[in-house]
Amino acid sequence: MPLFPGRVQARCAILEYLQNIKGLVMSSTFDQVATIIAETCDIPRDTITPDSHAIDDLGIDSLDFLDIAFAIDKAFGIKLPLEKWTQEVNDGKATTEQYFVLKNLCARIDELVAASKGAAGA
């Protein structure tokens, strides 16, 4: 029998809660990004999934992606580092999947939002 059974159960419950919150944040971010893409590029919303590659699967060109990035910047209060990402891909330091598969893009958006909140609080 564990020495502190209540604490173990409480920790498990907290970890489960945090996992759910992380999933909700990603889901919320994805929903907003997918809606932005659908509205900006006239793509049916139900065809956009977390595994969609913005360029390869959705056929978004560079000009449309700039419009999407601007809308994301405005919606989330951040600035996507598109020049940096493009340079990393061109230099072979990153793949397009790291930035343009929507679940990865959403994770990067969440990181940028968290960093901007941390900088604002500092």
N, C-alpha and C. Protein backbone atom coordinates (compact mmCIF):
# COMPACT_ATOMS: atom_id res chain seq x y z
N MET A 1 0.85 -1.18 0.00
CA MET A 1 0.00 0.00 0.00
C MET A 1 0.90 1.25 0.00
N PRO A 2 0.63 2.21 -0.91
CA PRO A 2 1.45 3.42 -0.95
C PRO A 2 1.37 4.19 0.36
N LEU A 3 2.46 4.86 0.66
CA LEU A 3 2.54 5.63 1.89
C LEU A 3 1.54 6.79 1.87
N PHE A 4 1.40 7.43 0.73
CA PHE A 4 0.47 8.57 0.59
C PHE A 4 -0.47 8.32 -0.60
N PRO A 5 -1.43 7.40 -0.45
CA PRO A 5 -2.28 7.05 -1.60
C PRO A 5 -3.05 8.24 -2.16
N GLY A 6 -3.48 9.14 -1.31
CA GLY A 6 -4.22 10.31 -1.78
C GLY A 6 -3.36 11.20 -2.67
N ARG A 7 -2.10 11.34 -2.31
CA ARG A 7 -1.19 12.19 -3.11
C ARG A 7 -0.93 11.60 -4.48
N VAL A 8 -0.77 10.28 -4.53
CA VAL A 8 -0.53 9.63 -5.82
C VAL A 8 -1.74 9.82 -6.72
N GLN A 9 -2.92 9.59 -6.18
CA GLN A 9 -4.13 9.78 -6.97
C GLN A 9 -4.29 11.24 -7.40
N ALA A 10 -3.98 12.16 -6.50
CA ALA A 10 -4.08 13.58 -6.82
C ALA A 10 -3.11 13.95 -7.93
N ARG A 11 -1.89 13.45 -7.85
CA ARG A 11 -0.90 13.74 -8.90
C ARG A 11 -1.34 13.18 -10.25
N CYS A 12 -1.87 11.96 -10.24
CA CYS A 12 -2.37 11.36 -11.48
C CYS A 12 -3.51 12.20 -12.06
N ALA A 13 -4.39 12.66 -11.19
CA ALA A 13 -5.51 13.48 -11.65
C ALA A 13 -5.01 14.80 -12.22
N ILE A 14 -4.02 15.38 -11.57
CA ILE A 14 -3.46 16.66 -12.06
C ILE A 14 -2.79 16.45 -13.41
N LEU A 15 -2.00 15.38 -13.54
CA LEU A 15 -1.33 15.11 -14.82
C LEU A 15 -2.35 14.89 -15.94
N GLU A 16 -3.41 14.16 -15.63
CA GLU A 16 -4.46 13.93 -16.63
C GLU A 16 -5.14 15.25 -17.02
N TYR A 17 -5.40 16.08 -16.03
CA TYR A 17 -6.01 17.39 -16.29
C TYR A 17 -5.11 18.23 -17.19
N LEU A 18 -3.81 18.27 -16.89
CA LEU A 18 -2.87 19.05 -17.70
C LEU A 18 -2.79 18.53 -19.12
N GLN A 19 -2.82 17.22 -19.30
CA GLN A 19 -2.82 16.63 -20.64
C GLN A 19 -4.06 17.08 -21.41
N ASN A 20 -5.21 17.07 -20.72
CA ASN A 20 -6.45 17.51 -21.37
C ASN A 20 -6.40 18.98 -21.74
N ILE A 21 -5.84 19.81 -20.85
CA ILE A 21 -5.72 21.24 -21.14
C ILE A 21 -4.84 21.45 -22.36
N LYS A 22 -3.70 20.74 -22.42
CA LYS A 22 -2.80 20.87 -23.57
C LYS A 22 -3.53 20.49 -24.85
N GLY A 23 -4.32 19.40 -24.79
CA GLY A 23 -5.10 18.99 -25.95
C GLY A 23 -6.12 20.03 -26.35
N LEU A 24 -6.75 20.66 -25.37
CA LEU A 24 -7.74 21.70 -25.66
C LEU A 24 -7.08 22.92 -26.29
N VAL A 25 -5.90 23.29 -25.79
CA VAL A 25 -5.19 24.44 -26.36
C VAL A 25 -4.87 24.16 -27.82
N MET A 26 -4.31 22.97 -28.09
CA MET A 26 -3.97 22.62 -29.47
C MET A 26 -5.23 22.58 -30.31
N SER A 27 -6.30 21.98 -29.79
CA SER A 27 -7.54 21.89 -30.53
C SER A 27 -8.08 23.28 -30.85
N SER A 28 -8.06 24.15 -29.86
CA SER A 28 -8.53 25.51 -30.06
C SER A 28 -7.67 26.24 -31.08
N THR A 29 -6.37 26.10 -30.97
CA THR A 29 -5.46 26.72 -31.93
C THR A 29 -5.72 26.17 -33.32
N PHE A 30 -5.82 24.85 -33.43
CA PHE A 30 -6.08 24.24 -34.74
C PHE A 30 -7.39 24.74 -35.31
N ASP A 31 -8.43 24.79 -34.50
CA ASP A 31 -9.73 25.25 -34.99
C ASP A 31 -9.64 26.67 -35.54
N GLN A 32 -8.94 27.54 -34.83
CA GLN A 32 -8.79 28.92 -35.31
C GLN A 32 -7.98 28.98 -36.61
N VAL A 33 -6.88 28.22 -36.65
CA VAL A 33 -6.03 28.22 -37.85
C VAL A 33 -6.79 27.63 -39.04
N ALA A 34 -7.49 26.53 -38.81
CA ALA A 34 -8.24 25.90 -39.90
C ALA A 34 -9.33 26.84 -40.42
N THR A 35 -9.97 27.57 -39.54
CA THR A 35 -11.00 28.53 -39.96
C THR A 35 -10.36 29.66 -40.76
N ILE A 36 -9.21 30.14 -40.32
CA ILE A 36 -8.49 31.19 -41.06
C ILE A 36 -8.14 30.69 -42.46
N ILE A 37 -7.62 29.48 -42.54
CA ILE A 37 -7.25 28.91 -43.85
C ILE A 37 -8.49 28.77 -44.73
N ALA A 38 -9.56 28.22 -44.17
CA ALA A 38 -10.79 28.02 -44.95
C ALA A 38 -11.31 29.33 -45.50
N GLU A 39 -11.33 30.37 -44.65
CA GLU A 39 -11.87 31.66 -45.08
C GLU A 39 -10.93 32.38 -46.05
N THR A 40 -9.63 32.30 -45.80
CA THR A 40 -8.67 33.01 -46.63
C THR A 40 -8.52 32.38 -48.02
N CYS A 41 -8.55 31.05 -48.06
CA CYS A 41 -8.27 30.34 -49.31
C CYS A 41 -9.48 29.67 -49.93
N ASP A 42 -10.66 29.88 -49.34
CA ASP A 42 -11.88 29.27 -49.85
C ASP A 42 -11.74 27.75 -49.98
N ILE A 43 -11.23 27.15 -48.91
CA ILE A 43 -11.08 25.69 -48.83
C ILE A 43 -12.15 25.20 -47.86
N PRO A 44 -12.89 24.14 -48.23
CA PRO A 44 -13.90 23.64 -47.31
C PRO A 44 -13.27 23.27 -45.96
N ARG A 45 -13.85 23.80 -44.88
CA ARG A 45 -13.29 23.62 -43.54
C ARG A 45 -13.16 22.15 -43.17
N ASP A 46 -14.12 21.33 -43.59
CA ASP A 46 -14.09 19.91 -43.20
C ASP A 46 -13.00 19.11 -43.90
N THR A 47 -12.32 19.70 -44.88
CA THR A 47 -11.21 18.99 -45.55
C THR A 47 -9.86 19.30 -44.90
N ILE A 48 -9.85 20.22 -43.94
CA ILE A 48 -8.62 20.63 -43.29
C ILE A 48 -8.46 19.84 -41.99
N THR A 49 -7.36 19.08 -41.89
CA THR A 49 -7.10 18.25 -40.70
C THR A 49 -5.77 18.65 -40.07
N PRO A 50 -5.53 18.21 -38.84
CA PRO A 50 -4.24 18.50 -38.20
C PRO A 50 -3.05 17.95 -39.00
N ASP A 51 -3.28 16.88 -39.77
CA ASP A 51 -2.19 16.28 -40.55
C ASP A 51 -2.05 16.89 -41.94
N SER A 52 -2.90 17.85 -42.29
CA SER A 52 -2.81 18.50 -43.60
C SER A 52 -1.53 19.31 -43.72
N HIS A 53 -0.87 19.15 -44.86
CA HIS A 53 0.30 19.98 -45.20
C HIS A 53 -0.25 21.16 -45.99
N ALA A 54 0.01 22.37 -45.51
CA ALA A 54 -0.58 23.56 -46.12
C ALA A 54 -0.30 23.66 -47.61
N ILE A 55 0.89 23.29 -48.02
CA ILE A 55 1.28 23.41 -49.42
C ILE A 55 0.91 22.15 -50.20
N ASP A 56 1.41 20.99 -49.74
CA ASP A 56 1.24 19.74 -50.49
C ASP A 56 -0.20 19.23 -50.52
N ASP A 57 -0.91 19.33 -49.38
CA ASP A 57 -2.26 18.77 -49.31
C ASP A 57 -3.34 19.80 -49.64
N LEU A 58 -3.16 21.03 -49.16
CA LEU A 58 -4.21 22.04 -49.34
C LEU A 58 -3.96 22.94 -50.55
N GLY A 59 -2.78 22.85 -51.14
CA GLY A 59 -2.48 23.62 -52.35
C GLY A 59 -2.36 25.12 -52.12
N ILE A 60 -1.98 25.51 -50.92
CA ILE A 60 -1.85 26.93 -50.60
C ILE A 60 -0.54 27.44 -51.19
N ASP A 61 -0.62 28.52 -51.96
CA ASP A 61 0.60 29.09 -52.54
C ASP A 61 1.21 30.10 -51.58
N SER A 62 2.39 30.60 -51.94
CA SER A 62 3.14 31.46 -51.02
C SER A 62 2.41 32.76 -50.72
N LEU A 63 1.72 33.34 -51.69
CA LEU A 63 0.99 34.58 -51.44
C LEU A 63 -0.19 34.35 -50.49
N ASP A 64 -0.92 33.27 -50.72
CA ASP A 64 -2.02 32.94 -49.82
C ASP A 64 -1.50 32.65 -48.42
N PHE A 65 -0.33 31.99 -48.33
CA PHE A 65 0.20 31.69 -47.01
C PHE A 65 0.59 32.97 -46.28
N LEU A 66 1.05 33.97 -47.01
CA LEU A 66 1.35 35.26 -46.38
C LEU A 66 0.08 35.88 -45.79
N ASP A 67 -1.03 35.78 -46.53
CA ASP A 67 -2.31 36.27 -46.02
C ASP A 67 -2.73 35.49 -44.77
N ILE A 68 -2.53 34.18 -44.80
CA ILE A 68 -2.86 33.33 -43.64
C ILE A 68 -1.99 33.73 -42.46
N ALA A 69 -0.70 33.90 -42.70
CA ALA A 69 0.24 34.28 -41.62
C ALA A 69 -0.16 35.61 -41.01
N PHE A 70 -0.54 36.56 -41.84
CA PHE A 70 -0.97 37.86 -41.32
C PHE A 70 -2.20 37.70 -40.43
N ALA A 71 -3.16 36.88 -40.88
CA ALA A 71 -4.38 36.65 -40.10
C ALA A 71 -4.07 35.93 -38.79
N ILE A 72 -3.13 34.97 -38.84
CA ILE A 72 -2.71 34.26 -37.62
C ILE A 72 -2.05 35.24 -36.66
N ASP A 73 -1.14 36.07 -37.18
CA ASP A 73 -0.47 37.08 -36.35
C ASP A 73 -1.51 37.93 -35.61
N LYS A 74 -2.49 38.38 -36.36
CA LYS A 74 -3.52 39.26 -35.79
C LYS A 74 -4.39 38.51 -34.78
N ALA A 75 -4.80 37.29 -35.11
CA ALA A 75 -5.70 36.52 -34.25
C ALA A 75 -5.04 36.13 -32.93
N PHE A 76 -3.74 35.82 -32.98
CA PHE A 76 -3.06 35.31 -31.79
C PHE A 76 -2.16 36.35 -31.12
N GLY A 77 -2.02 37.52 -31.73
CA GLY A 77 -1.18 38.56 -31.14
C GLY A 77 0.30 38.21 -31.16
N ILE A 78 0.73 37.55 -32.23
CA ILE A 78 2.13 37.13 -32.37
C ILE A 78 2.65 37.54 -33.73
N LYS A 79 3.90 37.21 -34.00
CA LYS A 79 4.50 37.43 -35.32
C LYS A 79 5.18 36.12 -35.73
N LEU A 80 4.61 35.43 -36.73
CA LEU A 80 5.24 34.22 -37.22
C LEU A 80 6.58 34.56 -37.87
N PRO A 81 7.64 33.86 -37.52
CA PRO A 81 8.96 34.15 -38.11
C PRO A 81 9.15 33.46 -39.46
N LEU A 82 8.36 33.87 -40.44
CA LEU A 82 8.36 33.19 -41.74
C LEU A 82 9.72 33.24 -42.44
N GLU A 83 10.40 34.39 -42.35
CA GLU A 83 11.71 34.50 -43.01
C GLU A 83 12.69 33.51 -42.40
N LYS A 84 12.69 33.41 -41.09
CA LYS A 84 13.58 32.48 -40.40
C LYS A 84 13.25 31.05 -40.80
N TRP A 85 11.95 30.70 -40.79
CA TRP A 85 11.55 29.34 -41.14
C TRP A 85 11.94 29.01 -42.57
N THR A 86 11.71 29.94 -43.48
CA THR A 86 12.06 29.73 -44.88
C THR A 86 13.56 29.51 -45.03
N GLN A 87 14.35 30.31 -44.33
CA GLN A 87 15.80 30.17 -44.39
C GLN A 87 16.24 28.81 -43.85
N GLU A 88 15.63 28.37 -42.75
CA GLU A 88 15.97 27.07 -42.18
C GLU A 88 15.66 25.93 -43.16
N VAL A 89 14.53 26.02 -43.85
CA VAL A 89 14.18 25.00 -44.84
C VAL A 89 15.16 25.06 -46.00
N ASN A 90 15.45 26.26 -46.50
CA ASN A 90 16.38 26.41 -47.62
C ASN A 90 17.78 25.92 -47.28
N ASP A 91 18.19 26.09 -46.02
CA ASP A 91 19.52 25.66 -45.58
C ASP A 91 19.57 24.18 -45.20
N GLY A 92 18.43 23.50 -45.27
CA GLY A 92 18.38 22.09 -44.92
C GLY A 92 18.38 21.84 -43.41
N LYS A 93 18.15 22.87 -42.62
CA LYS A 93 18.12 22.73 -41.16
C LYS A 93 16.74 22.30 -40.66
N ALA A 94 15.74 22.40 -41.52
CA ALA A 94 14.37 22.03 -41.16
C ALA A 94 13.67 21.53 -42.42
N THR A 95 12.58 20.81 -42.20
CA THR A 95 11.76 20.35 -43.32
C THR A 95 10.50 21.19 -43.39
N THR A 96 9.86 21.18 -44.53
CA THR A 96 8.61 21.94 -44.64
C THR A 96 7.56 21.37 -43.69
N GLU A 97 7.64 20.06 -43.39
CA GLU A 97 6.67 19.45 -42.49
C GLU A 97 6.72 20.08 -41.10
N GLN A 98 7.90 20.52 -40.66
CA GLN A 98 8.03 21.11 -39.34
C GLN A 98 7.23 22.40 -39.20
N TYR A 99 7.02 23.09 -40.30
CA TYR A 99 6.35 24.39 -40.24
C TYR A 99 4.99 24.40 -40.94
N PHE A 100 4.79 23.52 -41.90
CA PHE A 100 3.59 23.62 -42.72
C PHE A 100 2.59 22.48 -42.57
N VAL A 101 2.90 21.43 -41.79
CA VAL A 101 1.87 20.48 -41.40
C VAL A 101 1.14 21.16 -40.24
N LEU A 102 -0.16 21.24 -40.32
CA LEU A 102 -0.93 22.11 -39.44
C LEU A 102 -0.75 21.82 -37.95
N LYS A 103 -0.66 20.54 -37.57
CA LYS A 103 -0.46 20.26 -36.14
C LYS A 103 0.88 20.80 -35.66
N ASN A 104 1.89 20.78 -36.52
CA ASN A 104 3.20 21.34 -36.16
C ASN A 104 3.15 22.86 -36.14
N LEU A 105 2.48 23.44 -37.12
CA LEU A 105 2.31 24.89 -37.15
C LEU A 105 1.58 25.36 -35.89
N CYS A 106 0.53 24.65 -35.50
CA CYS A 106 -0.24 25.02 -34.31
C CYS A 106 0.61 24.92 -33.05
N ALA A 107 1.46 23.90 -32.99
CA ALA A 107 2.36 23.77 -31.83
C ALA A 107 3.31 24.96 -31.77
N ARG A 108 3.80 25.40 -32.92
CA ARG A 108 4.70 26.56 -32.97
C ARG A 108 3.95 27.84 -32.59
N ILE A 109 2.70 27.95 -33.02
CA ILE A 109 1.88 29.11 -32.64
C ILE A 109 1.70 29.13 -31.12
N ASP A 110 1.38 27.96 -30.54
CA ASP A 110 1.22 27.88 -29.08
C ASP A 110 2.51 28.29 -28.36
N GLU A 111 3.66 27.88 -28.89
CA GLU A 111 4.95 28.26 -28.30
C GLU A 111 5.16 29.78 -28.38
N LEU A 112 4.84 30.36 -29.52
CA LEU A 112 5.00 31.81 -29.69
C LEU A 112 4.06 32.59 -28.78
N VAL A 113 2.84 32.10 -28.63
CA VAL A 113 1.88 32.75 -27.73
C VAL A 113 2.38 32.68 -26.30
N ALA A 114 2.85 31.50 -25.89
CA ALA A 114 3.37 31.36 -24.52
C ALA A 114 4.57 32.25 -24.30
N ALA A 115 5.47 32.33 -25.29
CA ALA A 115 6.65 33.18 -25.15
C ALA A 115 6.27 34.66 -25.07
N SER A 116 5.26 35.05 -25.85
CA SER A 116 4.86 36.46 -25.82
C SER A 116 4.19 36.79 -24.48
N LYS A 117 3.47 35.86 -23.90
CA LYS A 117 2.86 36.08 -22.59
C LYS A 117 3.94 36.14 -21.52
N GLY A 118 4.96 35.30 -21.66
CA GLY A 118 6.06 35.31 -20.71
C GLY A 118 6.84 36.60 -20.79
N ALA A 119 7.06 37.09 -22.00
CA ALA A 119 7.78 38.36 -22.18
C ALA A 119 6.96 39.53 -21.65
N ALA A 120 5.66 39.46 -21.80
CA ALA A 120 4.79 40.55 -21.33
C ALA A 120 4.78 40.60 -19.80
N GLY A 121 4.91 39.41 -19.18
CA GLY A 121 4.88 39.36 -17.73
C GLY A 121 6.23 39.69 -17.09
N ALA A 122 7.29 39.72 -17.90
CA ALA A 122 8.63 39.97 -17.36
C ALA A 122 8.92 41.43 -17.13
